[in-house]
């Protein structure tokens, strides 16, 4: 594992349980030590972005709401109170090291809708050019279950790929990936390096270890798939110790996830990183082979259409066994996709009543999943973003 100082741009994700104590509130000593670590990396020339959880947890403590389950509006109120305190704490901690900071609050649409994605990227890029540390969180004051990321692991991966970070560090309550959840299986073995996140690796994931956390190892692996596909390396390590980034530098235990040797680029990074596809297309084995050889998805190869999507939405493409093999921007609304699924190109006009596109998803709008075999590097790289 390379030194953190060798990376150009690093995204660091911090979970709620690391930042906030249920009884006493913000863990200021820990935050101070992390800010010191960030200053060391900044002095070495790295640009650091922080994805910080903790707004709801901190607001709950400030408002003395206890451990009871909160209603949606109570969670949003707690987030409003906690976020202003959290932003101030980050500003103070980084400021003591001579670093400026800027707060960015994102909703799901800010990374999933193309125009807003580019706007968010431009703002964060400007902060970095001004030598300020972006402190990013989900906007929990307005997010609902229907329009939220659900966990900051995947948000951090989305931010890392959006900003072209070459490393994503997930600070967790566990020091890396094991063959099974170590709290449940004392025989679980630590895995220091993951070359590729395969179904076997995913099967090792457990659930969240703390009620303050919305994620678990599964969401971290989901984050890894997003990051690695875009050429971003990922590290999972324990954040419970002081100075957790310098602990990585000292060689303390961490799992390193290698980036893909054939990463998606530019416009396709946005497609590949979509967190929740609007629908799913199950295809036959012939279509699987065609996609892997770099061809477009034709209606003839589609066997099942699910979801309520519109033309231009991102949909997942599933193999006959139900495994996701690709994602792409669909050329038809769901209703029309259902009508033409399985048809030859020459039959589409008679069914729809107009001359339509020959491809359900054009190859230029399609990204093969990194876990699929026979991925062609040439089909993954697209130059130019806007």
Protein backbone atom coordinates (compact mmCIF):
# COMPACT_ATOMS: atom_id res chain seq x y z
CA UNK A 1 0.00 0.00 0.00
CA UNK A 2 1.43 3.37 -1.04
CA UNK A 3 1.92 6.28 1.32
CA UNK A 4 -1.11 8.54 1.54
CA UNK A 5 1.21 11.44 0.73
CA UNK A 6 1.72 10.02 -2.75
CA UNK A 7 -1.92 10.58 -3.72
CA UNK A 8 -3.00 13.74 -5.51
CA UNK A 9 -6.60 13.97 -4.28
CA UNK A 10 -8.08 12.06 -1.33
CA UNK A 11 -11.67 11.76 -0.17
CA UNK A 12 -12.08 10.81 3.50
CA UNK A 13 -15.41 9.57 4.85
CA UNK A 14 -16.19 9.73 8.58
CA UNK A 15 -19.11 7.90 10.15
CA UNK A 16 -21.41 9.29 12.83
CA UNK A 17 -20.23 6.90 15.54
CA UNK A 18 -16.64 8.13 15.12
CA UNK A 19 -17.56 11.81 15.52
CA UNK A 20 -20.36 11.74 18.07
CA UNK A 21 -20.66 10.12 21.48
CA UNK A 22 -24.25 9.29 22.42
CA UNK A 23 -23.84 10.77 25.88
CA UNK A 24 -21.34 13.61 25.59
CA UNK A 25 -21.76 14.76 21.98
CA UNK A 26 -18.94 15.73 19.64
CA UNK A 27 -15.61 13.94 20.12
CA UNK A 28 -13.44 17.03 19.87
CA UNK A 29 -10.10 15.37 20.64
CA UNK A 30 -10.66 12.86 17.86
CA UNK A 31 -11.72 15.57 15.41
CA UNK A 32 -8.64 17.62 16.31
CA UNK A 33 -6.38 14.64 15.62
CA UNK A 34 -8.02 14.02 12.23
CA UNK A 35 -7.67 17.70 11.29
CA UNK A 36 -3.98 17.42 12.17
CA UNK A 37 -3.73 14.42 9.80
CA UNK A 38 -5.43 16.36 7.01
CA UNK A 39 -2.97 19.22 7.50
CA UNK A 40 -0.04 16.81 7.12
CA UNK A 41 -1.45 15.56 3.81
CA UNK A 42 -2.18 19.09 2.63
CA UNK A 43 1.39 20.12 3.44
CA UNK A 44 2.56 17.20 1.29
CA UNK A 45 0.58 18.59 -1.64
CA UNK A 46 -2.57 16.47 -1.49
CA UNK A 47 -6.05 17.90 -1.89
CA UNK A 48 -8.38 16.46 0.76
CA UNK A 49 -12.17 16.30 0.66
CA UNK A 50 -14.13 15.27 3.74
CA UNK A 51 -17.48 13.49 3.68
CA UNK A 52 -18.68 13.89 7.26
CA UNK A 53 -21.65 12.17 8.86
CA UNK A 54 -22.91 13.19 12.27
CA UNK A 55 -25.46 15.97 11.85
CA UNK A 56 -28.48 14.03 13.09
CA UNK A 57 -26.50 12.28 15.83
CA UNK A 58 -25.04 15.56 17.08
CA UNK A 59 -28.36 17.39 16.85
CA UNK A 60 -30.04 14.59 18.78
CA UNK A 61 -27.51 15.09 21.57
CA UNK A 62 -27.81 18.89 21.58
CA UNK A 63 -31.61 18.72 21.65
CA UNK A 64 -31.53 15.97 24.30
CA UNK A 65 -33.76 13.66 22.27
CA UNK A 66 -32.37 10.47 23.79
CA UNK A 67 -32.18 7.12 22.01
CA UNK A 68 -35.82 6.83 20.95
CA UNK A 69 -36.74 6.49 17.31
CA UNK A 70 -37.29 9.89 15.72
CA UNK A 71 -40.07 10.91 13.37
CA UNK A 72 -38.95 12.22 9.99
CA UNK A 73 -39.51 15.85 10.92
CA UNK A 74 -37.64 15.32 14.23
CA UNK A 75 -34.66 13.84 12.35
CA UNK A 76 -34.69 16.80 9.99
CA UNK A 77 -34.83 19.24 12.90
CA UNK A 78 -31.99 17.40 14.62
CA UNK A 79 -30.00 17.62 11.40
CA UNK A 80 -30.60 21.37 11.18
CA UNK A 81 -29.27 21.89 14.71
CA UNK A 82 -26.45 19.38 14.36
CA UNK A 83 -25.25 20.57 10.98
CA UNK A 84 -24.51 24.11 12.09
CA UNK A 85 -22.61 22.80 15.12
CA UNK A 86 -20.76 20.26 13.00
CA UNK A 87 -19.73 22.84 10.41
CA UNK A 88 -18.43 25.11 13.13
CA UNK A 89 -16.44 22.28 14.69
CA UNK A 90 -14.82 21.41 11.37
CA UNK A 91 -14.01 25.06 10.71
CA UNK A 92 -12.38 25.43 14.11
CA UNK A 93 -10.41 22.17 13.92
CA UNK A 94 -9.07 22.80 10.41
CA UNK A 95 -8.53 26.50 11.12
CA UNK A 96 -6.10 25.66 13.95
CA UNK A 97 -3.92 24.08 11.25
CA UNK A 98 -4.17 27.10 8.96
CA UNK A 99 -6.71 25.44 6.67
CA UNK A 100 -9.89 27.00 5.36
CA UNK A 101 -13.06 24.92 4.96
CA UNK A 102 -16.31 25.12 3.05
CA UNK A 103 -19.57 23.30 3.70
CA UNK A 104 -21.38 21.45 0.89
CA UNK A 105 -24.78 19.84 1.54
CA UNK A 106 -25.99 17.46 -1.16
CA UNK A 107 -29.26 15.73 -1.96
CA UNK A 108 -29.54 12.66 -4.16
CA UNK A 109 -30.53 14.72 -7.18
CA UNK A 110 -27.33 16.75 -6.93
CA UNK A 111 -25.27 13.75 -8.07
CA UNK A 112 -27.84 11.76 -10.05
CA UNK A 113 -29.10 14.55 -12.34
CA UNK A 114 -26.47 15.44 -14.89
CA UNK A 115 -26.79 19.25 -14.79
CA UNK A 116 -26.76 19.39 -10.99
CA UNK A 117 -23.88 16.90 -10.90
CA UNK A 118 -21.78 19.25 -13.04
CA UNK A 119 -22.80 22.25 -10.92
CA UNK A 120 -21.80 20.49 -7.68
CA UNK A 121 -18.52 19.44 -9.22
CA UNK A 122 -17.75 22.98 -10.33
CA UNK A 123 -18.39 24.37 -6.83
CA UNK A 124 -16.21 21.77 -5.11
CA UNK A 125 -13.47 22.23 -7.72
CA UNK A 126 -13.44 25.95 -7.02
CA UNK A 127 -13.10 25.35 -3.28
CA UNK A 128 -10.10 23.10 -3.94
CA UNK A 129 -8.51 25.71 -6.20
CA UNK A 130 -8.93 28.20 -3.36
CA UNK A 131 -7.10 25.78 -1.03
CA UNK A 132 -10.20 25.19 1.10
CA UNK A 133 -11.16 21.75 2.42
CA UNK A 134 -14.69 20.83 1.24
CA UNK A 135 -16.70 19.31 4.10
CA UNK A 136 -19.57 17.43 2.48
CA UNK A 137 -22.66 15.81 3.97
CA UNK A 138 -26.06 14.71 2.85
CA UNK A 139 -28.63 17.47 3.34
CA UNK A 140 -30.59 15.59 6.01
CA UNK A 141 -32.74 18.66 6.74
CA UNK A 142 -34.72 18.11 3.53
CA UNK A 143 -33.93 14.52 2.49
CA UNK A 144 -36.65 11.89 2.84
CA UNK A 145 -36.46 8.14 2.40
CA UNK A 146 -37.40 8.55 -1.25
CA UNK A 147 -34.70 11.11 -2.09
CA UNK A 148 -31.76 10.21 0.10
CA UNK A 149 -28.48 8.42 -0.37
CA UNK A 150 -29.20 6.31 2.69
CA UNK A 151 -25.55 6.04 3.70
CA UNK A 152 -22.48 8.22 3.43
CA UNK A 153 -20.26 5.40 2.14
CA UNK A 154 -21.86 5.53 -1.29
CA UNK A 155 -22.13 9.31 -1.11
CA UNK A 156 -18.39 9.45 -0.47
CA UNK A 157 -17.73 7.17 -3.45
CA UNK A 158 -19.96 9.31 -5.63
CA UNK A 159 -18.10 12.45 -4.50
CA UNK A 160 -14.71 10.79 -5.01
CA UNK A 161 -15.50 9.75 -8.58
CA UNK A 162 -17.23 13.04 -9.37
CA UNK A 163 -14.10 14.92 -8.31
CA UNK A 164 -11.58 12.52 -9.85
CA UNK A 165 -10.04 11.55 -6.50
CA UNK A 166 -7.41 8.85 -6.78
CA UNK A 167 -8.07 7.55 -3.25
CA UNK A 168 -11.15 7.07 -1.07
CA UNK A 169 -10.61 6.36 2.63
CA UNK A 170 -13.55 4.98 4.61
CA UNK A 171 -12.95 5.41 8.34
CA UNK A 172 -15.05 2.77 10.04
CA UNK A 173 -15.60 1.01 13.34
CA UNK A 174 -13.82 -2.02 11.85
CA UNK A 175 -10.21 -2.14 10.67
CA UNK A 176 -10.88 -3.67 7.27
CA UNK A 177 -12.55 -6.51 5.39
CA UNK A 178 -12.73 -10.00 6.86
CA UNK A 179 -13.94 -13.27 5.37
CA UNK A 180 -16.96 -12.96 7.69
CA UNK A 181 -18.15 -10.41 10.27
CA UNK A 182 -15.50 -10.85 13.01
CA UNK A 183 -17.95 -10.00 15.79
CA UNK A 184 -19.96 -13.07 14.84
CA UNK A 185 -17.22 -15.40 13.61
CA UNK A 186 -14.01 -15.60 15.66
CA UNK A 187 -12.42 -17.62 12.85
CA UNK A 188 -12.86 -14.80 10.34
CA UNK A 189 -9.65 -13.93 8.53
CA UNK A 190 -8.48 -10.42 7.68
CA UNK A 191 -8.05 -9.57 3.98
CA UNK A 192 -5.31 -6.96 3.41
CA UNK A 193 -5.77 -6.44 -0.36
CA UNK A 194 -8.75 -6.85 -2.69
CA UNK A 195 -7.92 -6.91 -6.39
CA UNK A 196 -11.55 -6.90 -7.53
CA UNK A 197 -14.91 -6.90 -5.73
CA UNK A 198 -16.44 -10.17 -6.87
CA UNK A 199 -19.68 -11.84 -5.69
CA UNK A 200 -17.54 -13.94 -3.32
CA UNK A 201 -16.11 -10.78 -1.76
CA UNK A 202 -19.60 -9.27 -1.46
CA UNK A 203 -20.83 -12.39 0.33
CA UNK A 204 -18.44 -11.60 3.18
CA UNK A 205 -20.29 -8.39 4.11
CA UNK A 206 -22.28 -8.05 7.32
CA UNK A 207 -24.68 -5.39 8.69
CA UNK A 208 -24.10 -2.07 10.46
CA UNK A 209 -22.42 -2.38 13.85
CA UNK A 210 -23.88 0.75 15.46
CA UNK A 211 -27.31 2.32 15.66
CA UNK A 212 -25.69 5.64 14.78
CA UNK A 213 -24.56 4.22 11.46
CA UNK A 214 -26.80 3.68 8.46
CA UNK A 215 -24.19 1.66 6.60
CA UNK A 216 -22.27 -1.56 7.08
CA UNK A 217 -19.66 -3.53 5.20
CA UNK A 218 -22.12 -4.09 2.35
CA UNK A 219 -22.46 -0.36 1.68
CA UNK A 220 -18.68 -0.04 1.88
CA UNK A 221 -18.31 -2.67 -0.81
CA UNK A 222 -20.95 -0.88 -2.87
CA UNK A 223 -18.83 2.24 -2.46
CA UNK A 224 -15.77 0.28 -3.51
CA UNK A 225 -17.42 -0.87 -6.72
CA UNK A 226 -18.32 2.71 -7.63
CA UNK A 227 -14.86 4.03 -6.75
CA UNK A 228 -12.76 1.24 -8.24
CA UNK A 229 -14.70 1.29 -11.53
CA UNK A 230 -13.72 4.95 -11.96
CA UNK A 231 -10.05 4.31 -11.22
CA UNK A 232 -10.18 5.37 -7.55
CA UNK A 233 -8.42 3.17 -5.01
CA UNK A 234 -10.17 2.60 -1.67
CA UNK A 235 -9.02 1.91 1.88
CA UNK A 236 -11.20 0.67 4.75
CA UNK A 237 -9.64 1.09 8.16
CA UNK A 238 -10.54 1.70 11.79
CA UNK A 239 -11.30 5.31 12.61
CA UNK A 240 -11.76 4.72 16.32
CA UNK A 241 -8.13 5.52 17.14
CA UNK A 242 -6.72 9.04 17.25
CA UNK A 243 -4.96 10.28 14.09
CA UNK A 244 -6.49 7.51 11.95
CA UNK A 245 -4.94 8.69 8.68
CA UNK A 246 -1.43 8.71 10.10
CA UNK A 247 -2.17 5.22 11.46
CA UNK A 248 -2.45 4.11 7.83
CA UNK A 249 0.90 5.79 7.16
CA UNK A 250 2.42 3.78 10.03
CA UNK A 251 1.23 0.56 8.41
CA UNK A 252 -1.51 -0.26 10.88
CA UNK A 253 -4.19 -2.68 9.68
CA UNK A 254 -6.31 -1.61 6.71
CA UNK A 255 -7.78 -3.22 3.61
CA UNK A 256 -6.71 -1.79 0.26
CA UNK A 257 -9.01 -2.11 -2.77
CA UNK A 258 -7.18 -1.77 -6.05
CA UNK A 259 -8.70 0.47 -8.73
CA UNK A 260 -9.75 -1.03 -12.04
CA UNK A 261 -6.95 -1.21 -14.62
CA UNK A 262 -9.53 -0.15 -17.23
CA UNK A 263 -11.50 2.62 -15.51
CA UNK A 264 -14.52 4.38 -16.93
CA UNK A 265 -13.82 7.98 -17.83
CA UNK A 266 -15.62 11.28 -18.27
CA UNK A 267 -19.32 11.08 -19.05
CA UNK A 268 -19.43 7.34 -18.35
CA UNK A 269 -18.23 7.88 -14.78
CA UNK A 270 -21.55 9.56 -14.06
CA UNK A 271 -23.50 6.64 -15.57
CA UNK A 272 -21.50 3.95 -13.76
CA UNK A 273 -21.79 5.71 -10.40
CA UNK A 274 -25.59 6.10 -10.40
CA UNK A 275 -26.69 4.85 -6.99
CA UNK A 276 -30.22 3.71 -7.73
CA UNK A 277 -31.11 2.66 -11.29
CA UNK A 278 -34.59 3.74 -12.38
CA UNK A 279 -35.34 0.31 -13.79
CA UNK A 280 -33.94 -3.04 -14.85
CA UNK A 281 -33.68 -4.89 -18.14
CA UNK A 282 -33.10 -8.64 -18.02
CA UNK A 283 -31.42 -9.87 -21.19
CA UNK A 284 -30.68 -13.23 -22.78
CA UNK A 285 -27.27 -14.88 -23.00
CA UNK A 286 -26.77 -13.69 -26.57
CA UNK A 287 -27.19 -10.09 -25.50
CA UNK A 288 -24.71 -10.63 -22.65
CA UNK A 289 -22.07 -11.71 -25.14
CA UNK A 290 -22.87 -8.83 -27.47
CA UNK A 291 -22.59 -6.25 -24.69
CA UNK A 292 -19.25 -7.62 -23.52
CA UNK A 293 -17.92 -7.41 -27.07
CA UNK A 294 -18.76 -3.70 -27.19
CA UNK A 295 -22.12 -3.71 -28.97
CA UNK A 296 -25.31 -1.79 -28.17
CA UNK A 297 -28.27 -3.43 -26.45
CA UNK A 298 -30.99 -4.17 -28.98
CA UNK A 299 -34.65 -4.80 -28.06
CA UNK A 300 -34.38 -8.36 -29.41
CA UNK A 301 -32.11 -9.33 -26.52
CA UNK A 302 -34.38 -7.96 -23.77
CA UNK A 303 -36.53 -10.56 -22.02
CA UNK A 304 -37.96 -8.65 -19.04
CA UNK A 305 -38.52 -4.97 -18.28
CA UNK A 306 -39.13 -3.70 -14.74
CA UNK A 307 -39.37 -0.24 -13.22
CA UNK A 308 -41.09 3.02 -14.07
CA UNK A 309 -38.39 4.82 -16.02
CA UNK A 310 -38.33 7.51 -18.68
CA UNK A 311 -36.16 7.88 -21.74
CA UNK A 312 -32.68 9.00 -20.68
CA UNK A 313 -32.84 7.42 -17.21
CA UNK A 314 -30.13 5.07 -15.99
CA UNK A 315 -31.20 1.43 -15.91
CA UNK A 316 -29.40 -1.72 -14.83
CA UNK A 317 -28.92 -4.60 -17.25
CA UNK A 318 -29.21 -8.05 -15.70
CA UNK A 319 -28.02 -11.41 -16.97
CA UNK A 320 -30.48 -14.33 -17.21
CA UNK A 321 -29.26 -15.31 -13.71
CA UNK A 322 -30.21 -11.89 -12.31
CA UNK A 323 -26.67 -10.54 -11.93
CA UNK A 324 -26.04 -6.92 -12.91
CA UNK A 325 -23.67 -6.82 -15.87
CA UNK A 326 -24.00 -3.22 -17.08
CA UNK A 327 -25.73 0.13 -16.72
CA UNK A 328 -26.81 2.56 -19.36
CA UNK A 329 -29.09 5.41 -20.41
CA UNK A 330 -32.23 3.87 -21.87
CA UNK A 331 -33.61 5.20 -25.16
CA UNK A 332 -37.27 4.39 -24.41
CA UNK A 333 -39.86 5.04 -21.72
CA UNK A 334 -40.76 1.95 -19.70
CA UNK A 335 -44.14 1.49 -21.39
CA UNK A 336 -42.60 1.42 -24.86
CA UNK A 337 -39.70 -0.73 -23.68
CA UNK A 338 -42.19 -3.36 -22.52
CA UNK A 339 -43.93 -3.30 -25.90
CA UNK A 340 -40.79 -3.81 -27.98
CA UNK A 341 -38.83 -6.17 -25.69
CA UNK A 342 -37.79 -9.23 -27.68
CA UNK A 343 -38.62 -7.68 -31.08
CA UNK A 344 -36.34 -7.38 -34.07
CA UNK A 345 -35.40 -3.86 -35.15
CA UNK A 346 -37.56 -4.13 -38.26
CA UNK A 347 -40.64 -4.85 -36.12
CA UNK A 348 -40.41 -1.82 -33.82
CA UNK A 349 -42.04 0.74 -36.11
CA UNK A 350 -45.13 -1.44 -36.65
CA UNK A 351 -45.63 -1.79 -32.90
CA UNK A 352 -44.94 1.79 -31.81
CA UNK A 353 -46.35 3.52 -34.86
CA UNK A 354 -43.27 5.60 -35.55
CA UNK A 355 -39.69 5.09 -36.69
CA UNK A 356 -37.73 4.61 -33.51
CA UNK A 357 -34.15 4.03 -32.41
CA UNK A 358 -32.72 0.64 -33.20
CA UNK A 359 -30.96 0.29 -29.83
CA UNK A 360 -32.62 0.04 -26.43
CA UNK A 361 -29.31 1.37 -25.02
CA UNK A 362 -26.60 2.65 -27.37
CA UNK A 363 -23.05 1.52 -26.66
CA UNK A 364 -21.96 5.16 -26.19
CA UNK A 365 -24.39 5.37 -23.25
CA UNK A 366 -23.51 2.01 -21.70
CA UNK A 367 -20.94 0.90 -19.12
CA UNK A 368 -20.06 -2.75 -18.49
CA UNK A 369 -19.84 -3.63 -14.78
CA UNK A 370 -16.29 -4.07 -13.56
CA UNK A 371 -17.16 -7.42 -11.98
CA UNK A 372 -18.09 -8.83 -15.40
CA UNK A 373 -15.52 -10.84 -17.31
CA UNK A 374 -14.10 -9.92 -20.71
CA UNK A 375 -14.43 -6.16 -20.18
CA UNK A 376 -12.86 -4.37 -23.12
CA UNK A 377 -10.74 -1.36 -22.23
CA UNK A 378 -11.61 0.46 -25.43
CA UNK A 379 -15.31 0.30 -24.70
CA UNK A 380 -14.80 1.74 -21.22
CA UNK A 381 -12.91 4.90 -22.10
CA UNK A 382 -14.67 7.96 -23.42
CA UNK A 383 -12.80 11.24 -23.67
CA UNK A 384 -14.44 14.57 -22.98
CA UNK A 385 -16.96 15.17 -20.20
CA UNK A 386 -19.33 17.97 -21.11
